[in-house]
């Protein structure tokens, strides 16, 4: 999301192969409020961009509903490193592997690479921001194939 929300245009949200829930059912608000990955609950579900999002509490759901672009992960929740370096989403994310950089959430495929992404954020973030529209266009054309590639 360059700025307030451009990276989340359309419905290119990583739901993985199983479940069809954004970021595999993890509470995207918890990354900001708790500083860690927290599994959400279907009880506190909200649909945004045609995809259900789960939250750990009613409060987190309401926070998301009031400012979804503030809490949603960059690049549709796909691996930020893959988008930045390879212009693709060919690896799945580990919801435990994340970094918040300049108030934005980035999901990565493993914790070691999350640290490397953060260490090189000045290079990787502008590359990812520039490449995301191309990746997003590929997702719009090849949605079923991309979902198979990004299975949990």
N, C-alpha and C. Protein backbone atom coordinates (compact mmCIF):
# COMPACT_ATOMS: atom_id res chain seq x y z
N UNK A 1 0.82 -1.18 0.00
CA UNK A 1 0.00 0.00 0.00
C UNK A 1 0.87 1.24 0.00
N UNK A 2 1.24 1.68 -1.13
CA UNK A 2 1.94 2.95 -1.18
C UNK A 2 0.95 4.01 -0.74
N UNK A 3 1.33 4.79 0.19
CA UNK A 3 0.40 5.76 0.75
C UNK A 3 -0.63 5.05 1.60
N UNK A 4 -1.89 5.35 1.41
CA UNK A 4 -2.91 4.82 2.29
C UNK A 4 -3.49 3.50 1.84
N UNK A 5 -3.41 3.15 0.56
CA UNK A 5 -4.04 1.91 0.22
C UNK A 5 -3.92 1.43 -1.20
N UNK A 6 -3.02 1.94 -1.99
CA UNK A 6 -2.99 1.57 -3.40
C UNK A 6 -2.58 0.13 -3.63
N UNK A 7 -1.80 -0.47 -2.76
CA UNK A 7 -1.38 -1.85 -2.98
C UNK A 7 -2.50 -2.83 -2.75
N UNK A 8 -3.61 -2.38 -2.21
CA UNK A 8 -4.71 -3.29 -1.95
C UNK A 8 -5.90 -3.06 -2.87
N UNK A 9 -5.65 -2.51 -4.04
CA UNK A 9 -6.74 -2.38 -5.00
C UNK A 9 -7.13 -3.78 -5.46
N UNK A 10 -8.34 -3.95 -5.93
CA UNK A 10 -8.88 -5.24 -6.35
C UNK A 10 -8.98 -6.18 -5.17
N UNK A 11 -8.98 -7.50 -5.45
CA UNK A 11 -9.12 -8.45 -4.35
C UNK A 11 -7.96 -9.44 -4.30
N UNK A 12 -6.77 -8.98 -4.57
CA UNK A 12 -5.58 -9.83 -4.57
C UNK A 12 -5.07 -10.01 -3.14
N UNK A 13 -5.77 -10.82 -2.39
CA UNK A 13 -5.43 -11.05 -0.98
C UNK A 13 -4.98 -12.50 -0.83
N UNK A 14 -3.85 -12.70 -0.19
CA UNK A 14 -3.31 -14.04 0.02
C UNK A 14 -4.17 -14.79 1.02
N UNK A 15 -4.87 -15.81 0.54
CA UNK A 15 -5.66 -16.66 1.42
C UNK A 15 -5.08 -18.06 1.52
N UNK A 16 -4.01 -18.32 0.80
CA UNK A 16 -3.44 -19.65 0.79
C UNK A 16 -4.37 -20.62 0.07
N UNK A 17 -4.02 -21.87 0.08
CA UNK A 17 -4.78 -22.88 -0.63
C UNK A 17 -5.97 -23.37 0.20
N UNK A 18 -5.79 -23.43 1.51
CA UNK A 18 -6.83 -23.97 2.38
C UNK A 18 -7.48 -22.84 3.18
N UNK A 19 -8.77 -22.88 3.31
CA UNK A 19 -9.47 -21.99 4.21
C UNK A 19 -10.04 -20.73 3.61
N UNK A 20 -9.38 -20.13 2.63
CA UNK A 20 -9.91 -18.94 2.00
C UNK A 20 -10.03 -17.74 2.92
N UNK A 21 -9.17 -17.64 3.93
CA UNK A 21 -9.20 -16.53 4.88
C UNK A 21 -7.91 -15.74 4.72
N UNK A 22 -8.02 -14.42 4.77
CA UNK A 22 -6.84 -13.56 4.64
C UNK A 22 -5.78 -13.93 5.67
N UNK A 23 -4.56 -13.87 5.25
CA UNK A 23 -3.35 -14.21 6.00
C UNK A 23 -3.53 -15.41 6.93
N UNK A 24 -4.15 -16.43 6.35
CA UNK A 24 -4.31 -17.72 7.01
C UNK A 24 -5.02 -17.63 8.36
N UNK A 25 -5.88 -16.63 8.49
CA UNK A 25 -6.68 -16.51 9.70
C UNK A 25 -6.01 -15.77 10.84
N UNK A 26 -4.85 -15.19 10.60
CA UNK A 26 -4.18 -14.42 11.66
C UNK A 26 -4.78 -13.03 11.75
N UNK A 27 -4.76 -12.49 12.95
CA UNK A 27 -5.31 -11.18 13.26
C UNK A 27 -4.30 -10.11 12.85
N UNK A 28 -4.59 -9.40 11.77
CA UNK A 28 -3.65 -8.40 11.26
C UNK A 28 -3.47 -7.21 12.22
N UNK A 29 -4.47 -6.91 13.02
CA UNK A 29 -4.35 -5.81 13.98
C UNK A 29 -3.39 -6.18 15.11
N UNK A 30 -3.35 -7.45 15.48
CA UNK A 30 -2.49 -7.89 16.59
C UNK A 30 -1.01 -7.66 16.31
N UNK A 31 -0.61 -7.69 15.06
CA UNK A 31 0.79 -7.40 14.74
C UNK A 31 1.16 -6.01 15.27
N UNK A 32 0.23 -5.09 15.19
CA UNK A 32 0.48 -3.71 15.63
C UNK A 32 0.27 -3.54 17.13
N UNK A 33 -0.80 -4.13 17.66
CA UNK A 33 -1.13 -3.91 19.07
C UNK A 33 -0.37 -4.82 20.02
N UNK A 34 -0.12 -6.06 19.60
CA UNK A 34 0.53 -7.03 20.46
C UNK A 34 1.99 -7.27 20.09
N UNK A 35 2.38 -6.82 18.89
CA UNK A 35 3.75 -7.01 18.43
C UNK A 35 4.09 -8.45 18.10
N UNK A 36 3.06 -9.25 17.84
CA UNK A 36 3.29 -10.66 17.50
C UNK A 36 2.12 -11.19 16.69
N UNK A 37 2.35 -12.35 16.10
CA UNK A 37 1.30 -13.02 15.32
C UNK A 37 0.33 -13.69 16.29
N UNK A 38 -0.95 -13.42 16.10
CA UNK A 38 -2.01 -13.99 16.94
C UNK A 38 -3.08 -14.54 16.01
N UNK A 39 -3.45 -15.78 16.22
CA UNK A 39 -4.49 -16.40 15.41
C UNK A 39 -5.83 -15.72 15.70
N UNK A 40 -6.56 -15.40 14.66
CA UNK A 40 -7.88 -14.81 14.81
C UNK A 40 -8.94 -15.89 14.96
N UNK A 41 -10.17 -15.46 15.13
CA UNK A 41 -11.29 -16.37 15.32
C UNK A 41 -12.38 -16.05 14.30
N UNK A 42 -13.03 -17.07 13.82
CA UNK A 42 -14.15 -16.88 12.90
C UNK A 42 -15.27 -16.08 13.59
N UNK A 43 -15.32 -16.15 14.90
CA UNK A 43 -16.32 -15.40 15.67
C UNK A 43 -16.20 -13.88 15.41
N UNK A 44 -14.97 -13.43 15.20
CA UNK A 44 -14.71 -12.01 14.95
C UNK A 44 -14.21 -11.85 13.51
N UNK A 45 -15.10 -12.10 12.58
CA UNK A 45 -14.75 -12.08 11.16
C UNK A 45 -15.35 -10.86 10.49
N UNK A 46 -14.63 -10.35 9.50
CA UNK A 46 -15.11 -9.21 8.72
C UNK A 46 -14.65 -9.41 7.28
N UNK A 47 -15.55 -9.19 6.34
CA UNK A 47 -15.17 -9.32 4.93
C UNK A 47 -14.72 -7.97 4.38
N UNK A 48 -13.54 -8.00 3.76
CA UNK A 48 -12.98 -6.81 3.13
C UNK A 48 -12.29 -7.25 1.86
N UNK A 49 -12.48 -6.54 0.79
CA UNK A 49 -11.93 -6.87 -0.53
C UNK A 49 -12.34 -8.27 -0.97
N UNK A 50 -13.56 -8.65 -0.61
CA UNK A 50 -14.07 -9.94 -1.01
C UNK A 50 -13.46 -11.12 -0.28
N UNK A 51 -12.79 -10.87 0.83
CA UNK A 51 -12.08 -11.91 1.57
C UNK A 51 -12.40 -11.79 3.06
N UNK A 52 -12.67 -12.91 3.74
CA UNK A 52 -12.87 -12.82 5.19
C UNK A 52 -11.54 -12.62 5.92
N UNK A 53 -11.57 -11.79 6.93
CA UNK A 53 -10.43 -11.52 7.80
C UNK A 53 -10.86 -11.91 9.21
N UNK A 54 -10.01 -12.61 9.93
CA UNK A 54 -10.32 -13.03 11.30
C UNK A 54 -9.53 -12.20 12.30
N UNK A 55 -10.15 -11.97 13.45
CA UNK A 55 -9.53 -11.17 14.51
C UNK A 55 -9.66 -11.89 15.84
N UNK A 56 -8.77 -11.57 16.75
CA UNK A 56 -8.74 -12.22 18.06
C UNK A 56 -9.77 -11.63 19.02
N UNK A 57 -10.29 -10.45 18.69
CA UNK A 57 -11.25 -9.81 19.59
C UNK A 57 -12.17 -8.89 18.80
N UNK A 58 -13.27 -8.53 19.42
CA UNK A 58 -14.20 -7.58 18.82
C UNK A 58 -13.53 -6.22 18.64
N UNK A 59 -12.70 -5.84 19.60
CA UNK A 59 -12.00 -4.57 19.51
C UNK A 59 -11.09 -4.52 18.28
N UNK A 60 -10.34 -5.61 18.04
CA UNK A 60 -9.46 -5.64 16.87
C UNK A 60 -10.27 -5.59 15.58
N UNK A 61 -11.37 -6.29 15.55
CA UNK A 61 -12.24 -6.26 14.37
C UNK A 61 -12.71 -4.82 14.11
N UNK A 62 -13.15 -4.14 15.15
CA UNK A 62 -13.63 -2.76 15.00
C UNK A 62 -12.51 -1.82 14.57
N UNK A 63 -11.31 -2.03 15.10
CA UNK A 63 -10.17 -1.20 14.69
C UNK A 63 -9.90 -1.38 13.20
N UNK A 64 -9.93 -2.63 12.75
CA UNK A 64 -9.71 -2.91 11.34
C UNK A 64 -10.80 -2.30 10.47
N UNK A 65 -12.04 -2.47 10.89
CA UNK A 65 -13.16 -1.95 10.12
C UNK A 65 -13.08 -0.43 9.96
N UNK A 66 -12.54 0.25 10.95
CA UNK A 66 -12.47 1.71 10.87
C UNK A 66 -11.31 2.19 9.99
N UNK A 67 -10.25 1.38 9.86
CA UNK A 67 -9.08 1.76 9.04
C UNK A 67 -8.40 0.53 8.45
N UNK A 68 -9.06 -0.19 7.56
CA UNK A 68 -8.47 -1.44 7.07
C UNK A 68 -7.11 -1.27 6.39
N UNK A 69 -6.93 -0.21 5.63
CA UNK A 69 -5.65 -0.01 4.93
C UNK A 69 -4.51 0.21 5.91
N UNK A 70 -4.80 0.72 7.08
CA UNK A 70 -3.76 0.94 8.10
C UNK A 70 -3.21 -0.39 8.62
N UNK A 71 -4.06 -1.39 8.72
CA UNK A 71 -3.66 -2.66 9.34
C UNK A 71 -3.36 -3.79 8.36
N UNK A 72 -3.89 -3.71 7.16
CA UNK A 72 -3.70 -4.78 6.19
C UNK A 72 -2.23 -4.89 5.79
N UNK A 73 -1.76 -6.12 5.58
CA UNK A 73 -0.37 -6.29 5.16
C UNK A 73 -0.15 -5.76 3.75
N UNK A 74 1.07 -5.33 3.52
CA UNK A 74 1.46 -4.85 2.20
C UNK A 74 1.44 -6.00 1.20
N UNK A 75 1.28 -5.67 -0.06
CA UNK A 75 1.35 -6.62 -1.18
C UNK A 75 0.36 -7.77 -1.02
N UNK A 76 -0.82 -7.44 -0.53
CA UNK A 76 -1.88 -8.45 -0.44
C UNK A 76 -1.60 -9.55 0.56
N UNK A 77 -0.59 -9.39 1.41
CA UNK A 77 -0.23 -10.43 2.36
C UNK A 77 0.68 -11.49 1.78
N UNK A 78 1.14 -11.26 0.56
CA UNK A 78 2.11 -12.19 -0.03
C UNK A 78 3.51 -11.86 0.48
N UNK A 79 4.45 -12.73 0.25
CA UNK A 79 5.82 -12.55 0.73
C UNK A 79 6.42 -11.27 0.14
N UNK A 80 6.73 -10.33 1.02
CA UNK A 80 7.24 -9.03 0.59
C UNK A 80 8.57 -9.17 -0.14
N UNK A 81 9.41 -10.09 0.28
CA UNK A 81 10.68 -10.30 -0.39
C UNK A 81 10.52 -10.82 -1.80
N UNK A 82 9.60 -11.74 -2.00
CA UNK A 82 9.36 -12.28 -3.34
C UNK A 82 8.82 -11.20 -4.27
N UNK A 83 7.93 -10.37 -3.76
CA UNK A 83 7.40 -9.28 -4.59
C UNK A 83 8.53 -8.33 -4.96
N UNK A 84 9.34 -7.95 -3.97
CA UNK A 84 10.41 -6.96 -4.20
C UNK A 84 11.53 -7.48 -5.08
N UNK A 85 11.94 -8.71 -4.86
CA UNK A 85 13.12 -9.23 -5.55
C UNK A 85 12.82 -10.01 -6.81
N UNK A 86 11.69 -10.68 -6.84
CA UNK A 86 11.41 -11.58 -7.96
C UNK A 86 10.15 -11.24 -8.74
N UNK A 87 9.45 -10.19 -8.32
CA UNK A 87 8.21 -9.80 -8.98
C UNK A 87 7.25 -10.99 -9.07
N UNK A 88 7.16 -11.73 -7.96
CA UNK A 88 6.29 -12.90 -7.95
C UNK A 88 5.76 -13.15 -6.54
N UNK A 89 4.90 -14.14 -6.44
CA UNK A 89 4.39 -14.59 -5.14
C UNK A 89 4.50 -16.11 -5.07
N UNK A 90 5.67 -16.61 -5.44
CA UNK A 90 5.83 -18.06 -5.59
C UNK A 90 6.13 -18.80 -4.30
N UNK A 91 6.31 -18.09 -3.20
CA UNK A 91 6.48 -18.77 -1.92
C UNK A 91 5.40 -18.28 -0.97
N UNK A 92 5.03 -19.13 -0.05
CA UNK A 92 4.02 -18.76 0.92
C UNK A 92 4.65 -18.05 2.11
N UNK A 93 3.86 -17.29 2.82
CA UNK A 93 4.36 -16.60 4.00
C UNK A 93 4.21 -17.48 5.23
N UNK A 94 5.01 -17.16 6.22
CA UNK A 94 4.85 -17.69 7.57
C UNK A 94 4.27 -16.54 8.37
N UNK A 95 3.03 -16.63 8.85
CA UNK A 95 2.44 -15.51 9.57
C UNK A 95 3.25 -15.07 10.80
N UNK A 96 4.14 -15.93 11.27
CA UNK A 96 5.00 -15.57 12.39
C UNK A 96 6.20 -14.72 11.94
N UNK A 97 6.46 -14.71 10.63
CA UNK A 97 7.60 -13.97 10.08
C UNK A 97 7.09 -12.66 9.49
N UNK A 98 7.29 -11.60 10.23
CA UNK A 98 6.76 -10.30 9.81
C UNK A 98 7.66 -9.19 10.32
N UNK A 99 7.50 -8.05 9.71
CA UNK A 99 8.16 -6.83 10.16
C UNK A 99 7.19 -5.68 9.94
N UNK A 100 7.19 -4.75 10.88
CA UNK A 100 6.47 -3.50 10.70
C UNK A 100 7.53 -2.44 10.44
N UNK A 101 7.44 -1.84 9.27
CA UNK A 101 8.42 -0.85 8.83
C UNK A 101 7.65 0.42 8.46
N UNK A 102 8.00 1.50 9.09
CA UNK A 102 7.32 2.79 8.85
C UNK A 102 5.80 2.65 8.97
N UNK A 103 5.36 1.89 9.97
CA UNK A 103 3.94 1.75 10.24
C UNK A 103 3.19 0.84 9.30
N UNK A 104 3.91 0.05 8.49
CA UNK A 104 3.27 -0.86 7.54
C UNK A 104 3.72 -2.28 7.81
N UNK A 105 2.79 -3.21 7.66
CA UNK A 105 3.05 -4.63 7.93
C UNK A 105 3.52 -5.35 6.67
N UNK A 106 4.64 -6.06 6.81
CA UNK A 106 5.19 -6.87 5.73
C UNK A 106 5.29 -8.31 6.21
N UNK A 107 4.73 -9.25 5.46
CA UNK A 107 4.83 -10.67 5.77
C UNK A 107 5.90 -11.29 4.88
N UNK A 108 6.64 -12.24 5.46
CA UNK A 108 7.77 -12.86 4.78
C UNK A 108 7.62 -14.39 4.91
N UNK A 109 8.38 -15.15 4.17
CA UNK A 109 8.21 -16.59 4.22
C UNK A 109 8.92 -17.28 5.37
N UNK A 110 9.90 -16.64 6.02
CA UNK A 110 10.47 -17.21 7.25
C UNK A 110 11.13 -16.10 8.06
N UNK A 111 11.35 -16.39 9.34
CA UNK A 111 11.85 -15.35 10.25
C UNK A 111 13.22 -14.82 9.88
N UNK A 112 14.11 -15.68 9.40
CA UNK A 112 15.44 -15.23 9.01
C UNK A 112 15.39 -14.23 7.88
N UNK A 113 14.53 -14.49 6.93
CA UNK A 113 14.38 -13.57 5.81
C UNK A 113 13.62 -12.31 6.19
N UNK A 114 12.80 -12.38 7.23
CA UNK A 114 12.12 -11.18 7.72
C UNK A 114 13.15 -10.19 8.26
N UNK A 115 14.14 -10.71 8.98
CA UNK A 115 15.21 -9.84 9.49
C UNK A 115 16.01 -9.24 8.34
N UNK A 116 16.32 -10.05 7.34
CA UNK A 116 17.06 -9.54 6.18
C UNK A 116 16.24 -8.50 5.42
N UNK A 117 14.94 -8.73 5.30
CA UNK A 117 14.08 -7.75 4.64
C UNK A 117 14.12 -6.42 5.39
N UNK A 118 14.00 -6.48 6.71
CA UNK A 118 14.02 -5.25 7.52
C UNK A 118 15.37 -4.55 7.42
N UNK A 119 16.45 -5.33 7.43
CA UNK A 119 17.79 -4.74 7.34
C UNK A 119 18.01 -4.02 6.01
N UNK A 120 17.31 -4.45 4.98
CA UNK A 120 17.46 -3.88 3.64
C UNK A 120 16.19 -3.16 3.18
N UNK A 121 15.39 -2.72 4.13
CA UNK A 121 14.10 -2.10 3.81
C UNK A 121 14.23 -0.89 2.90
N UNK A 122 15.29 -0.11 3.05
CA UNK A 122 15.46 1.07 2.20
C UNK A 122 15.56 0.70 0.73
N UNK A 123 16.02 -0.50 0.44
CA UNK A 123 16.12 -0.99 -0.93
C UNK A 123 14.87 -1.79 -1.32
N UNK A 124 14.47 -2.73 -0.43
CA UNK A 124 13.40 -3.67 -0.76
C UNK A 124 12.02 -3.03 -0.84
N UNK A 125 11.70 -2.12 0.06
CA UNK A 125 10.36 -1.54 0.07
C UNK A 125 10.07 -0.76 -1.21
N UNK A 126 10.96 0.14 -1.65
CA UNK A 126 10.67 0.83 -2.93
C UNK A 126 10.56 -0.15 -4.11
N UNK A 127 11.38 -1.20 -4.11
CA UNK A 127 11.29 -2.20 -5.19
C UNK A 127 9.94 -2.92 -5.13
N UNK A 128 9.54 -3.32 -3.93
CA UNK A 128 8.25 -3.99 -3.78
C UNK A 128 7.09 -3.10 -4.17
N UNK A 129 7.14 -1.84 -3.75
CA UNK A 129 6.08 -0.89 -4.11
C UNK A 129 5.98 -0.72 -5.62
N UNK A 130 7.12 -0.69 -6.29
CA UNK A 130 7.13 -0.53 -7.74
C UNK A 130 6.65 -1.79 -8.45
N UNK A 131 6.99 -2.95 -7.92
CA UNK A 131 6.66 -4.21 -8.60
C UNK A 131 5.27 -4.74 -8.25
N UNK A 132 4.68 -4.30 -7.14
CA UNK A 132 3.39 -4.84 -6.72
C UNK A 132 2.31 -4.68 -7.80
N UNK A 133 2.18 -3.56 -8.48
CA UNK A 133 1.13 -3.48 -9.52
C UNK A 133 1.28 -4.55 -10.61
N UNK A 134 2.52 -4.89 -10.96
CA UNK A 134 2.75 -5.93 -11.96
C UNK A 134 2.32 -7.30 -11.40
N UNK A 135 2.71 -7.57 -10.17
CA UNK A 135 2.33 -8.84 -9.53
C UNK A 135 0.81 -8.91 -9.39
N UNK A 136 0.23 -7.82 -8.96
CA UNK A 136 -1.21 -7.77 -8.77
C UNK A 136 -1.95 -8.03 -10.08
N UNK A 137 -1.44 -7.50 -11.17
CA UNK A 137 -2.05 -7.74 -12.48
C UNK A 137 -1.97 -9.23 -12.84
N UNK A 138 -0.83 -9.85 -12.52
CA UNK A 138 -0.68 -11.30 -12.78
C UNK A 138 -1.69 -12.08 -11.94
N UNK A 139 -1.89 -11.67 -10.70
CA UNK A 139 -2.85 -12.34 -9.84
C UNK A 139 -4.26 -12.23 -10.39
N UNK A 140 -4.60 -11.09 -10.91
CA UNK A 140 -5.95 -10.89 -11.46
C UNK A 140 -6.20 -11.80 -12.65
N UNK A 141 -5.17 -12.06 -13.44
CA UNK A 141 -5.30 -12.92 -14.62
C UNK A 141 -5.23 -14.39 -14.24
N UNK A 142 -4.32 -14.72 -13.34
CA UNK A 142 -4.03 -16.12 -13.03
C UNK A 142 -4.47 -16.52 -11.63
N UNK A 143 -5.51 -15.92 -11.08
CA UNK A 143 -5.90 -16.15 -9.69
C UNK A 143 -5.90 -17.61 -9.25
N UNK A 144 -6.54 -18.55 -9.96
CA UNK A 144 -6.53 -19.93 -9.46
C UNK A 144 -5.13 -20.51 -9.35
N UNK A 145 -4.28 -20.25 -10.34
CA UNK A 145 -2.92 -20.79 -10.31
C UNK A 145 -2.12 -20.19 -9.16
N UNK A 146 -2.26 -18.88 -8.92
CA UNK A 146 -1.51 -18.24 -7.84
C UNK A 146 -1.93 -18.78 -6.48
N UNK A 147 -3.22 -19.04 -6.30
CA UNK A 147 -3.66 -19.59 -5.03
C UNK A 147 -3.06 -20.96 -4.77
N UNK A 148 -2.92 -21.76 -5.79
CA UNK A 148 -2.31 -23.08 -5.63
C UNK A 148 -0.84 -22.96 -5.23
N UNK A 149 -0.16 -21.98 -5.79
CA UNK A 149 1.25 -21.78 -5.47
C UNK A 149 1.43 -21.32 -4.03
N UNK A 150 0.48 -20.56 -3.52
CA UNK A 150 0.60 -19.97 -2.17
C UNK A 150 -0.17 -20.76 -1.13
N UNK A 151 -0.08 -22.07 -1.16
CA UNK A 151 -0.80 -22.86 -0.17
C UNK A 151 -0.05 -22.86 1.16
N UNK A 152 -0.79 -22.95 2.27
CA UNK A 152 -0.14 -22.93 3.59
C UNK A 152 0.57 -24.23 3.89
